[in-house]
Amino acid sequence: MFPVQRVSLSWKNKAGRALWNFCRPLYRSTPTVFHGWRRFLLRCFGATISGSARPYPRARVWAPWNLVMQERSCLADDVDCYCVGRIELGPGAIVSQYAYLCSASHDFRSADFDLVIAPIHIAEGAWVAARAFVGPGVSIGAHAVVAACSVVVRDVPSEAVVAGNPARIVSHHECATV
């Protein structure tokens, strides 16, 4: 698990998100195959995106400057990438449709309902399947699989397959190398 950070969002952050929301139609209205254009737009807003990453047009990115997509990684259509904190996809990592990557929450024990932020890391070759939820501070190991509709609130070891709510290890697999 990563350390949790209590913060309040700056005026600069809010202005950046407002500008991103204004420009987002230029991202969302593109044909599916225009990954290069979407990479360009995300980079214009501070994202670190490999030239072979595939951000799909209906993927929702909250704050591009907190997004890292390494080579061959993928954010599918209808992924909600709530990157208040850093979200990093390793090489070949895939996040499938309707998955929710959530790098922030609120401290319900705090009288001020403090915003808490913790990064998410999805390692090389990992797959987050459809409708899965990945919570703040979670690290998903290399070649791990998060089954559809799972809720992940703890780290997932490499090559593990997790499923359920809360997600639990259901098996391990060895990654086939090509």
N, C-alpha and C. Protein backbone atom coordinates (compact mmCIF):
# COMPACT_ATOMS: atom_id res chain seq x y z
N MET A 1 0.84 -1.19 0.00
CA MET A 1 0.00 0.00 0.00
C MET A 1 0.88 1.25 0.00
N PHE A 2 0.40 2.27 -0.66
CA PHE A 2 1.09 3.55 -0.72
C PHE A 2 0.64 4.42 0.43
N PRO A 3 1.46 5.41 0.81
CA PRO A 3 1.01 6.33 1.87
C PRO A 3 -0.17 7.18 1.39
N VAL A 4 -1.05 7.46 2.31
CA VAL A 4 -2.22 8.28 2.03
C VAL A 4 -1.86 9.73 2.31
N GLN A 5 -2.31 10.62 1.46
CA GLN A 5 -2.00 12.04 1.58
C GLN A 5 -3.30 12.82 1.75
N ARG A 6 -3.39 13.63 2.81
CA ARG A 6 -4.56 14.49 2.99
C ARG A 6 -4.28 15.82 2.31
N VAL A 7 -5.21 16.27 1.47
CA VAL A 7 -4.97 17.49 0.70
C VAL A 7 -6.26 18.27 0.50
N SER A 8 -6.08 19.48 0.06
CA SER A 8 -7.18 20.24 -0.52
C SER A 8 -6.68 20.67 -1.89
N LEU A 9 -7.53 20.64 -2.87
CA LEU A 9 -7.11 20.91 -4.24
C LEU A 9 -6.89 22.41 -4.45
N SER A 10 -5.81 22.72 -5.12
CA SER A 10 -5.42 24.11 -5.33
C SER A 10 -6.27 24.77 -6.41
N TRP A 11 -6.20 26.09 -6.43
CA TRP A 11 -6.86 26.86 -7.48
C TRP A 11 -6.32 26.46 -8.84
N LYS A 12 -5.00 26.24 -8.94
CA LYS A 12 -4.37 25.86 -10.20
C LYS A 12 -4.92 24.51 -10.68
N ASN A 13 -5.10 23.56 -9.76
CA ASN A 13 -5.66 22.26 -10.11
C ASN A 13 -7.09 22.43 -10.64
N LYS A 14 -7.87 23.23 -9.96
CA LYS A 14 -9.27 23.43 -10.38
C LYS A 14 -9.34 24.12 -11.74
N ALA A 15 -8.45 25.10 -11.97
CA ALA A 15 -8.43 25.78 -13.27
C ALA A 15 -8.00 24.82 -14.39
N GLY A 16 -7.02 23.98 -14.09
CA GLY A 16 -6.57 22.99 -15.07
C GLY A 16 -7.68 22.02 -15.44
N ARG A 17 -8.44 21.58 -14.44
CA ARG A 17 -9.56 20.67 -14.73
C ARG A 17 -10.66 21.36 -15.52
N ALA A 18 -10.90 22.62 -15.23
CA ALA A 18 -11.89 23.37 -16.00
C ALA A 18 -11.48 23.47 -17.47
N LEU A 19 -10.21 23.78 -17.70
CA LEU A 19 -9.71 23.85 -19.07
C LEU A 19 -9.77 22.48 -19.75
N TRP A 20 -9.39 21.42 -19.03
CA TRP A 20 -9.47 20.06 -19.57
C TRP A 20 -10.92 19.71 -19.92
N ASN A 21 -11.85 20.04 -19.04
CA ASN A 21 -13.27 19.75 -19.32
C ASN A 21 -13.76 20.51 -20.54
N PHE A 22 -13.25 21.71 -20.74
CA PHE A 22 -13.61 22.49 -21.92
C PHE A 22 -13.08 21.83 -23.20
N CYS A 23 -11.86 21.27 -23.12
CA CYS A 23 -11.22 20.65 -24.29
C CYS A 23 -11.59 19.18 -24.48
N ARG A 24 -12.20 18.58 -23.49
CA ARG A 24 -12.49 17.15 -23.55
C ARG A 24 -13.31 16.71 -24.76
N PRO A 25 -14.23 17.52 -25.29
CA PRO A 25 -14.93 17.09 -26.51
C PRO A 25 -13.98 16.81 -27.67
N LEU A 26 -12.83 17.48 -27.71
CA LEU A 26 -11.84 17.20 -28.76
C LEU A 26 -11.26 15.80 -28.60
N TYR A 27 -11.29 15.28 -27.39
CA TYR A 27 -10.81 13.93 -27.08
C TYR A 27 -11.91 12.91 -27.36
N ARG A 28 -13.08 13.16 -26.83
CA ARG A 28 -14.16 12.17 -26.85
C ARG A 28 -14.81 12.00 -28.22
N SER A 29 -14.75 13.00 -29.06
CA SER A 29 -15.46 12.94 -30.35
C SER A 29 -14.65 12.29 -31.46
N THR A 30 -13.50 11.72 -31.13
CA THR A 30 -12.62 11.18 -32.15
C THR A 30 -12.96 9.73 -32.47
N PRO A 31 -12.67 9.29 -33.70
CA PRO A 31 -12.86 7.88 -34.04
C PRO A 31 -11.94 7.01 -33.17
N THR A 32 -12.36 5.79 -32.94
CA THR A 32 -11.63 4.86 -32.08
C THR A 32 -10.16 4.75 -32.45
N VAL A 33 -9.84 4.72 -33.72
CA VAL A 33 -8.45 4.49 -34.14
C VAL A 33 -7.53 5.70 -33.96
N PHE A 34 -8.04 6.84 -33.53
CA PHE A 34 -7.23 8.05 -33.38
C PHE A 34 -6.52 8.11 -32.02
N HIS A 35 -5.86 7.02 -31.65
CA HIS A 35 -5.15 6.99 -30.36
C HIS A 35 -4.07 8.07 -30.31
N GLY A 36 -3.40 8.32 -31.43
CA GLY A 36 -2.33 9.32 -31.47
C GLY A 36 -2.83 10.71 -31.10
N TRP A 37 -3.98 11.09 -31.60
CA TRP A 37 -4.57 12.40 -31.29
C TRP A 37 -4.89 12.49 -29.80
N ARG A 38 -5.48 11.43 -29.26
CA ARG A 38 -5.83 11.45 -27.84
C ARG A 38 -4.57 11.46 -26.97
N ARG A 39 -3.52 10.73 -27.37
CA ARG A 39 -2.24 10.79 -26.64
C ARG A 39 -1.71 12.23 -26.65
N PHE A 40 -1.79 12.88 -27.82
CA PHE A 40 -1.33 14.27 -27.94
C PHE A 40 -2.09 15.18 -26.98
N LEU A 41 -3.41 15.08 -26.97
CA LEU A 41 -4.21 15.93 -26.08
C LEU A 41 -3.88 15.68 -24.61
N LEU A 42 -3.76 14.41 -24.23
CA LEU A 42 -3.42 14.09 -22.85
C LEU A 42 -2.05 14.66 -22.49
N ARG A 43 -1.09 14.55 -23.41
CA ARG A 43 0.25 15.12 -23.15
C ARG A 43 0.18 16.64 -23.01
N CYS A 44 -0.66 17.29 -23.79
CA CYS A 44 -0.82 18.75 -23.68
C CYS A 44 -1.25 19.16 -22.28
N PHE A 45 -1.93 18.25 -21.58
CA PHE A 45 -2.39 18.52 -20.22
C PHE A 45 -1.51 17.84 -19.17
N GLY A 46 -0.30 17.43 -19.57
CA GLY A 46 0.68 16.96 -18.60
C GLY A 46 0.77 15.47 -18.38
N ALA A 47 -0.02 14.67 -19.08
CA ALA A 47 0.07 13.21 -18.92
C ALA A 47 1.39 12.70 -19.49
N THR A 48 1.86 11.60 -18.95
CA THR A 48 3.03 10.92 -19.48
C THR A 48 2.51 9.70 -20.22
N ILE A 49 2.56 9.75 -21.54
CA ILE A 49 1.93 8.72 -22.37
C ILE A 49 2.92 8.20 -23.40
N SER A 50 3.11 6.89 -23.41
CA SER A 50 3.97 6.25 -24.41
C SER A 50 3.32 6.35 -25.79
N GLY A 51 4.16 6.32 -26.82
CA GLY A 51 3.66 6.40 -28.19
C GLY A 51 2.85 5.20 -28.63
N SER A 52 2.87 4.11 -27.85
CA SER A 52 2.08 2.94 -28.22
C SER A 52 0.91 2.69 -27.26
N ALA A 53 0.66 3.62 -26.33
CA ALA A 53 -0.47 3.49 -25.41
C ALA A 53 -1.78 3.72 -26.18
N ARG A 54 -2.86 3.12 -25.68
CA ARG A 54 -4.14 3.22 -26.35
C ARG A 54 -5.23 3.77 -25.41
N PRO A 55 -5.35 5.08 -25.33
CA PRO A 55 -6.49 5.65 -24.59
C PRO A 55 -7.70 5.73 -25.54
N TYR A 56 -8.79 5.09 -25.18
CA TYR A 56 -9.97 5.06 -26.05
C TYR A 56 -10.82 6.31 -25.85
N PRO A 57 -11.64 6.67 -26.84
CA PRO A 57 -12.32 7.96 -26.81
C PRO A 57 -13.31 8.15 -25.67
N ARG A 58 -13.94 7.09 -25.20
CA ARG A 58 -14.93 7.26 -24.14
C ARG A 58 -14.34 7.03 -22.75
N ALA A 59 -13.01 6.85 -22.64
CA ALA A 59 -12.37 6.77 -21.32
C ALA A 59 -12.41 8.16 -20.70
N ARG A 60 -12.83 8.24 -19.45
CA ARG A 60 -12.93 9.52 -18.75
C ARG A 60 -11.71 9.69 -17.85
N VAL A 61 -10.94 10.73 -18.10
CA VAL A 61 -9.73 11.01 -17.32
C VAL A 61 -9.96 12.31 -16.56
N TRP A 62 -9.88 12.26 -15.23
CA TRP A 62 -10.22 13.39 -14.39
C TRP A 62 -9.16 14.48 -14.42
N ALA A 63 -7.90 14.12 -14.28
CA ALA A 63 -6.79 15.09 -14.27
C ALA A 63 -5.62 14.48 -15.03
N PRO A 64 -5.49 14.75 -16.32
CA PRO A 64 -4.47 14.09 -17.14
C PRO A 64 -3.05 14.18 -16.58
N TRP A 65 -2.71 15.25 -15.89
CA TRP A 65 -1.36 15.43 -15.37
C TRP A 65 -1.00 14.38 -14.31
N ASN A 66 -1.97 13.62 -13.83
CA ASN A 66 -1.71 12.55 -12.88
C ASN A 66 -1.76 11.17 -13.52
N LEU A 67 -1.78 11.10 -14.84
CA LEU A 67 -1.88 9.83 -15.55
C LEU A 67 -0.56 9.47 -16.22
N VAL A 68 -0.14 8.21 -16.04
CA VAL A 68 1.02 7.66 -16.73
C VAL A 68 0.57 6.38 -17.44
N MET A 69 0.78 6.35 -18.76
CA MET A 69 0.47 5.14 -19.54
C MET A 69 1.74 4.72 -20.26
N GLN A 70 2.28 3.56 -19.87
CA GLN A 70 3.49 3.07 -20.52
C GLN A 70 3.14 2.32 -21.80
N GLU A 71 4.16 1.86 -22.51
CA GLU A 71 3.97 1.26 -23.82
C GLU A 71 2.94 0.13 -23.79
N ARG A 72 2.09 0.14 -24.81
CA ARG A 72 1.05 -0.86 -25.07
C ARG A 72 -0.02 -0.93 -23.98
N SER A 73 -0.07 0.02 -23.07
CA SER A 73 -1.13 0.01 -22.05
C SER A 73 -2.42 0.53 -22.67
N CYS A 74 -3.53 0.23 -22.02
CA CYS A 74 -4.83 0.54 -22.62
C CYS A 74 -5.83 0.98 -21.56
N LEU A 75 -6.51 2.09 -21.83
CA LEU A 75 -7.70 2.52 -21.07
C LEU A 75 -8.87 2.39 -22.03
N ALA A 76 -9.70 1.40 -21.83
CA ALA A 76 -10.80 1.10 -22.75
C ALA A 76 -11.92 2.13 -22.64
N ASP A 77 -12.85 2.06 -23.58
CA ASP A 77 -14.03 2.90 -23.53
C ASP A 77 -14.76 2.72 -22.20
N ASP A 78 -15.28 3.82 -21.69
CA ASP A 78 -16.10 3.87 -20.49
C ASP A 78 -15.36 3.56 -19.19
N VAL A 79 -14.01 3.54 -19.24
CA VAL A 79 -13.23 3.46 -18.00
C VAL A 79 -13.33 4.83 -17.33
N ASP A 80 -13.49 4.84 -16.03
CA ASP A 80 -13.49 6.08 -15.27
C ASP A 80 -12.18 6.14 -14.51
N CYS A 81 -11.28 7.00 -14.96
CA CYS A 81 -9.95 7.14 -14.39
C CYS A 81 -9.94 8.39 -13.51
N TYR A 82 -10.34 8.20 -12.25
CA TYR A 82 -10.44 9.30 -11.30
C TYR A 82 -9.07 9.53 -10.69
N CYS A 83 -8.22 10.21 -11.47
CA CYS A 83 -6.81 10.36 -11.11
C CYS A 83 -6.56 11.67 -10.37
N VAL A 84 -7.17 11.79 -9.19
CA VAL A 84 -6.86 12.91 -8.31
C VAL A 84 -5.41 12.76 -7.87
N GLY A 85 -5.00 11.52 -7.62
CA GLY A 85 -3.61 11.16 -7.38
C GLY A 85 -3.10 10.43 -8.61
N ARG A 86 -1.82 10.12 -8.59
CA ARG A 86 -1.18 9.46 -9.73
C ARG A 86 -1.77 8.08 -10.00
N ILE A 87 -2.06 7.81 -11.25
CA ILE A 87 -2.45 6.47 -11.70
C ILE A 87 -1.49 6.09 -12.81
N GLU A 88 -0.82 4.95 -12.62
CA GLU A 88 0.17 4.50 -13.58
C GLU A 88 -0.19 3.12 -14.11
N LEU A 89 -0.21 3.00 -15.44
CA LEU A 89 -0.39 1.72 -16.10
C LEU A 89 0.95 1.30 -16.67
N GLY A 90 1.42 0.13 -16.26
CA GLY A 90 2.70 -0.38 -16.73
C GLY A 90 2.59 -0.89 -18.16
N PRO A 91 3.71 -1.34 -18.72
CA PRO A 91 3.72 -1.84 -20.09
C PRO A 91 2.72 -2.98 -20.28
N GLY A 92 1.86 -2.84 -21.28
CA GLY A 92 0.90 -3.88 -21.61
C GLY A 92 -0.25 -4.03 -20.63
N ALA A 93 -0.39 -3.14 -19.66
CA ALA A 93 -1.51 -3.21 -18.72
C ALA A 93 -2.81 -2.82 -19.44
N ILE A 94 -3.89 -3.52 -19.11
CA ILE A 94 -5.18 -3.28 -19.76
C ILE A 94 -6.22 -3.00 -18.70
N VAL A 95 -6.99 -1.93 -18.90
CA VAL A 95 -8.14 -1.64 -18.05
C VAL A 95 -9.36 -1.68 -18.96
N SER A 96 -10.26 -2.64 -18.68
CA SER A 96 -11.40 -2.89 -19.56
C SER A 96 -12.59 -1.98 -19.27
N GLN A 97 -13.59 -2.09 -20.13
CA GLN A 97 -14.77 -1.23 -20.12
C GLN A 97 -15.42 -1.14 -18.74
N TYR A 98 -15.84 0.06 -18.41
CA TYR A 98 -16.60 0.39 -17.20
C TYR A 98 -15.82 0.17 -15.90
N ALA A 99 -14.53 -0.12 -15.97
CA ALA A 99 -13.74 -0.22 -14.74
C ALA A 99 -13.61 1.18 -14.13
N TYR A 100 -13.41 1.22 -12.83
CA TYR A 100 -13.29 2.49 -12.12
C TYR A 100 -11.99 2.48 -11.34
N LEU A 101 -11.07 3.37 -11.72
CA LEU A 101 -9.80 3.54 -11.01
C LEU A 101 -9.94 4.78 -10.14
N CYS A 102 -9.92 4.60 -8.83
CA CYS A 102 -10.25 5.69 -7.91
C CYS A 102 -9.08 5.97 -6.98
N SER A 103 -8.34 7.06 -7.23
CA SER A 103 -7.15 7.36 -6.43
C SER A 103 -7.43 8.33 -5.27
N ALA A 104 -8.70 8.58 -4.97
CA ALA A 104 -9.02 9.49 -3.87
C ALA A 104 -10.33 9.09 -3.21
N SER A 105 -10.45 9.50 -1.97
CA SER A 105 -11.68 9.28 -1.22
C SER A 105 -11.75 10.37 -0.14
N HIS A 106 -12.62 10.20 0.81
CA HIS A 106 -12.74 11.14 1.92
C HIS A 106 -12.61 10.38 3.23
N ASP A 107 -12.02 11.04 4.21
CA ASP A 107 -11.91 10.45 5.54
C ASP A 107 -13.21 10.72 6.29
N PHE A 108 -14.05 9.70 6.36
CA PHE A 108 -15.37 9.87 6.98
C PHE A 108 -15.27 10.07 8.49
N ARG A 109 -14.09 9.78 9.08
CA ARG A 109 -13.90 9.99 10.51
C ARG A 109 -13.52 11.43 10.83
N SER A 110 -13.15 12.19 9.81
CA SER A 110 -12.74 13.57 9.99
C SER A 110 -13.95 14.49 10.01
N ALA A 111 -13.95 15.44 10.92
CA ALA A 111 -15.05 16.41 10.97
C ALA A 111 -15.12 17.23 9.69
N ASP A 112 -13.97 17.43 9.04
CA ASP A 112 -13.93 18.19 7.79
C ASP A 112 -14.06 17.32 6.55
N PHE A 113 -14.25 15.99 6.75
CA PHE A 113 -14.40 15.07 5.62
C PHE A 113 -13.23 15.24 4.65
N ASP A 114 -11.99 15.24 5.23
CA ASP A 114 -10.76 15.49 4.47
C ASP A 114 -10.65 14.61 3.23
N LEU A 115 -10.16 15.22 2.16
CA LEU A 115 -9.85 14.48 0.94
C LEU A 115 -8.56 13.71 1.17
N VAL A 116 -8.55 12.42 0.88
CA VAL A 116 -7.35 11.61 1.00
C VAL A 116 -7.02 11.04 -0.37
N ILE A 117 -5.73 11.11 -0.71
CA ILE A 117 -5.27 10.70 -2.03
C ILE A 117 -4.18 9.66 -1.87
N ALA A 118 -4.23 8.62 -2.70
CA ALA A 118 -3.17 7.62 -2.73
C ALA A 118 -3.08 7.08 -4.15
N PRO A 119 -1.87 6.92 -4.68
CA PRO A 119 -1.70 6.52 -6.08
C PRO A 119 -2.12 5.07 -6.32
N ILE A 120 -2.39 4.77 -7.58
CA ILE A 120 -2.69 3.42 -8.03
C ILE A 120 -1.61 3.04 -9.03
N HIS A 121 -1.11 1.81 -8.90
CA HIS A 121 -0.12 1.31 -9.86
C HIS A 121 -0.61 -0.03 -10.40
N ILE A 122 -0.73 -0.12 -11.71
CA ILE A 122 -1.12 -1.36 -12.37
C ILE A 122 0.10 -1.80 -13.17
N ALA A 123 0.72 -2.88 -12.75
CA ALA A 123 2.02 -3.29 -13.29
C ALA A 123 1.91 -3.94 -14.66
N GLU A 124 3.06 -4.25 -15.19
CA GLU A 124 3.20 -4.82 -16.53
C GLU A 124 2.31 -6.03 -16.75
N GLY A 125 1.56 -5.99 -17.85
CA GLY A 125 0.76 -7.14 -18.27
C GLY A 125 -0.45 -7.44 -17.41
N ALA A 126 -0.76 -6.59 -16.43
CA ALA A 126 -1.93 -6.83 -15.58
C ALA A 126 -3.20 -6.48 -16.34
N TRP A 127 -4.29 -7.13 -15.96
CA TRP A 127 -5.58 -6.89 -16.61
C TRP A 127 -6.62 -6.60 -15.54
N VAL A 128 -7.24 -5.44 -15.62
CA VAL A 128 -8.38 -5.08 -14.79
C VAL A 128 -9.61 -5.25 -15.68
N ALA A 129 -10.41 -6.26 -15.38
CA ALA A 129 -11.54 -6.61 -16.25
C ALA A 129 -12.73 -5.66 -16.06
N ALA A 130 -13.73 -5.86 -16.88
CA ALA A 130 -14.90 -4.98 -16.95
C ALA A 130 -15.57 -4.78 -15.60
N ARG A 131 -15.94 -3.54 -15.35
CA ARG A 131 -16.69 -3.11 -14.17
C ARG A 131 -15.98 -3.32 -12.83
N ALA A 132 -14.69 -3.58 -12.85
CA ALA A 132 -13.94 -3.73 -11.60
C ALA A 132 -13.70 -2.36 -10.99
N PHE A 133 -13.55 -2.31 -9.68
CA PHE A 133 -13.23 -1.09 -8.94
C PHE A 133 -11.86 -1.29 -8.29
N VAL A 134 -10.97 -0.32 -8.50
CA VAL A 134 -9.65 -0.34 -7.87
C VAL A 134 -9.55 0.91 -7.01
N GLY A 135 -9.36 0.72 -5.71
CA GLY A 135 -9.38 1.83 -4.77
C GLY A 135 -8.04 2.51 -4.58
N PRO A 136 -8.04 3.61 -3.83
CA PRO A 136 -6.83 4.39 -3.59
C PRO A 136 -5.73 3.57 -2.94
N GLY A 137 -4.49 3.79 -3.40
CA GLY A 137 -3.34 3.18 -2.79
C GLY A 137 -3.08 1.74 -3.19
N VAL A 138 -3.84 1.21 -4.14
CA VAL A 138 -3.70 -0.19 -4.53
C VAL A 138 -2.62 -0.34 -5.60
N SER A 139 -1.84 -1.41 -5.45
CA SER A 139 -0.86 -1.79 -6.45
C SER A 139 -1.25 -3.17 -6.96
N ILE A 140 -1.38 -3.29 -8.26
CA ILE A 140 -1.72 -4.57 -8.88
C ILE A 140 -0.45 -5.10 -9.54
N GLY A 141 -0.03 -6.28 -9.13
CA GLY A 141 1.24 -6.84 -9.57
C GLY A 141 1.27 -7.24 -11.03
N ALA A 142 2.47 -7.53 -11.50
CA ALA A 142 2.69 -7.90 -12.90
C ALA A 142 1.88 -9.14 -13.26
N HIS A 143 1.21 -9.08 -14.38
CA HIS A 143 0.45 -10.18 -14.97
C HIS A 143 -0.68 -10.68 -14.07
N ALA A 144 -1.11 -9.86 -13.12
CA ALA A 144 -2.26 -10.21 -12.28
C ALA A 144 -3.54 -9.97 -13.07
N VAL A 145 -4.61 -10.63 -12.64
CA VAL A 145 -5.91 -10.46 -13.27
C VAL A 145 -6.91 -10.08 -12.18
N VAL A 146 -7.63 -8.99 -12.42
CA VAL A 146 -8.73 -8.59 -11.55
C VAL A 146 -10.00 -8.93 -12.30
N ALA A 147 -10.76 -9.90 -11.78
CA ALA A 147 -11.95 -10.38 -12.47
C ALA A 147 -13.02 -9.31 -12.57
N ALA A 148 -13.92 -9.49 -13.51
CA ALA A 148 -15.02 -8.55 -13.74
C ALA A 148 -15.81 -8.33 -12.45
N CYS A 149 -16.20 -7.10 -12.23
CA CYS A 149 -17.04 -6.67 -11.11
C CYS A 149 -16.39 -6.81 -9.74
N SER A 150 -15.09 -7.03 -9.69
CA SER A 150 -14.39 -7.16 -8.41
C SER A 150 -14.15 -5.80 -7.79
N VAL A 151 -14.00 -5.79 -6.47
CA VAL A 151 -13.69 -4.57 -5.73
C VAL A 151 -12.34 -4.78 -5.05
N VAL A 152 -11.32 -4.06 -5.53
CA VAL A 152 -9.95 -4.25 -5.05
C VAL A 152 -9.58 -3.08 -4.14
N VAL A 153 -9.36 -3.39 -2.86
CA VAL A 153 -8.98 -2.36 -1.89
C VAL A 153 -7.65 -2.69 -1.22
N ARG A 154 -7.03 -3.82 -1.62
CA ARG A 154 -5.71 -4.20 -1.12
C ARG A 154 -4.84 -4.59 -2.30
N ASP A 155 -3.54 -4.53 -2.10
CA ASP A 155 -2.61 -4.89 -3.17
C ASP A 155 -2.86 -6.30 -3.69
N VAL A 156 -2.61 -6.48 -4.97
CA VAL A 156 -2.76 -7.78 -5.63
C VAL A 156 -1.36 -8.25 -6.04
N PRO A 157 -0.95 -9.45 -5.60
CA PRO A 157 0.39 -9.92 -5.96
C PRO A 157 0.50 -10.26 -7.45
N SER A 158 1.72 -10.29 -7.93
CA SER A 158 1.98 -10.66 -9.32
C SER A 158 1.40 -12.04 -9.61
N GLU A 159 0.85 -12.18 -10.81
CA GLU A 159 0.32 -13.43 -11.34
C GLU A 159 -0.84 -14.00 -10.54
N ALA A 160 -1.44 -13.21 -9.67
CA ALA A 160 -2.63 -13.66 -8.93
C ALA A 160 -3.87 -13.35 -9.75
N VAL A 161 -4.90 -14.14 -9.54
CA VAL A 161 -6.22 -13.86 -10.10
C VAL A 161 -7.12 -13.57 -8.91
N VAL A 162 -7.71 -12.38 -8.88
CA VAL A 162 -8.58 -12.01 -7.77
C VAL A 162 -10.00 -11.79 -8.28
N ALA A 163 -10.96 -12.07 -7.40
CA ALA A 163 -12.37 -11.90 -7.76
C ALA A 163 -13.17 -11.61 -6.50
N GLY A 164 -14.31 -10.97 -6.68
CA GLY A 164 -15.25 -10.78 -5.58
C GLY A 164 -15.23 -9.39 -4.98
N ASN A 165 -16.07 -9.25 -3.93
CA ASN A 165 -16.21 -8.00 -3.20
C ASN A 165 -16.22 -8.32 -1.71
N PRO A 166 -15.11 -8.05 -1.03
CA PRO A 166 -13.83 -7.56 -1.53
C PRO A 166 -13.10 -8.65 -2.31
N ALA A 167 -12.23 -8.22 -3.20
CA ALA A 167 -11.51 -9.17 -4.05
C ALA A 167 -10.60 -10.05 -3.20
N ARG A 168 -10.61 -11.34 -3.53
CA ARG A 168 -9.75 -12.32 -2.87
C ARG A 168 -9.04 -13.13 -3.94
N ILE A 169 -7.89 -13.64 -3.61
CA ILE A 169 -7.15 -14.48 -4.56
C ILE A 169 -7.93 -15.78 -4.77
N VAL A 170 -8.22 -16.07 -6.04
CA VAL A 170 -8.91 -17.32 -6.37
C VAL A 170 -7.98 -18.31 -7.05
N SER A 171 -6.89 -17.82 -7.62
CA SER A 171 -5.88 -18.71 -8.21
C SER A 171 -4.63 -17.91 -8.55
N HIS A 172 -3.61 -18.63 -8.96
CA HIS A 172 -2.39 -18.03 -9.49
C HIS A 172 -2.17 -18.62 -10.87
N HIS A 173 -1.49 -17.90 -11.71
CA HIS A 173 -1.17 -18.43 -13.03
C HIS A 173 0.24 -18.00 -13.36
N GLU A 174 0.86 -18.74 -14.21
CA GLU A 174 2.19 -18.35 -14.69
C GLU A 174 2.00 -17.68 -16.03
N CYS A 175 2.66 -16.56 -16.19
CA CYS A 175 2.54 -15.80 -17.43
C CYS A 175 3.25 -16.56 -18.55
N ALA A 176 2.54 -16.75 -19.64
CA ALA A 176 3.15 -17.38 -20.81
C ALA A 176 3.99 -16.34 -21.53
N THR A 177 5.23 -16.66 -21.80
CA THR A 177 6.08 -15.73 -22.53
C THR A 177 6.11 -16.12 -24.00
N VAL A 178 6.14 -15.10 -24.82
CA VAL A 178 6.13 -15.33 -26.26
C VAL A 178 7.53 -15.24 -26.82
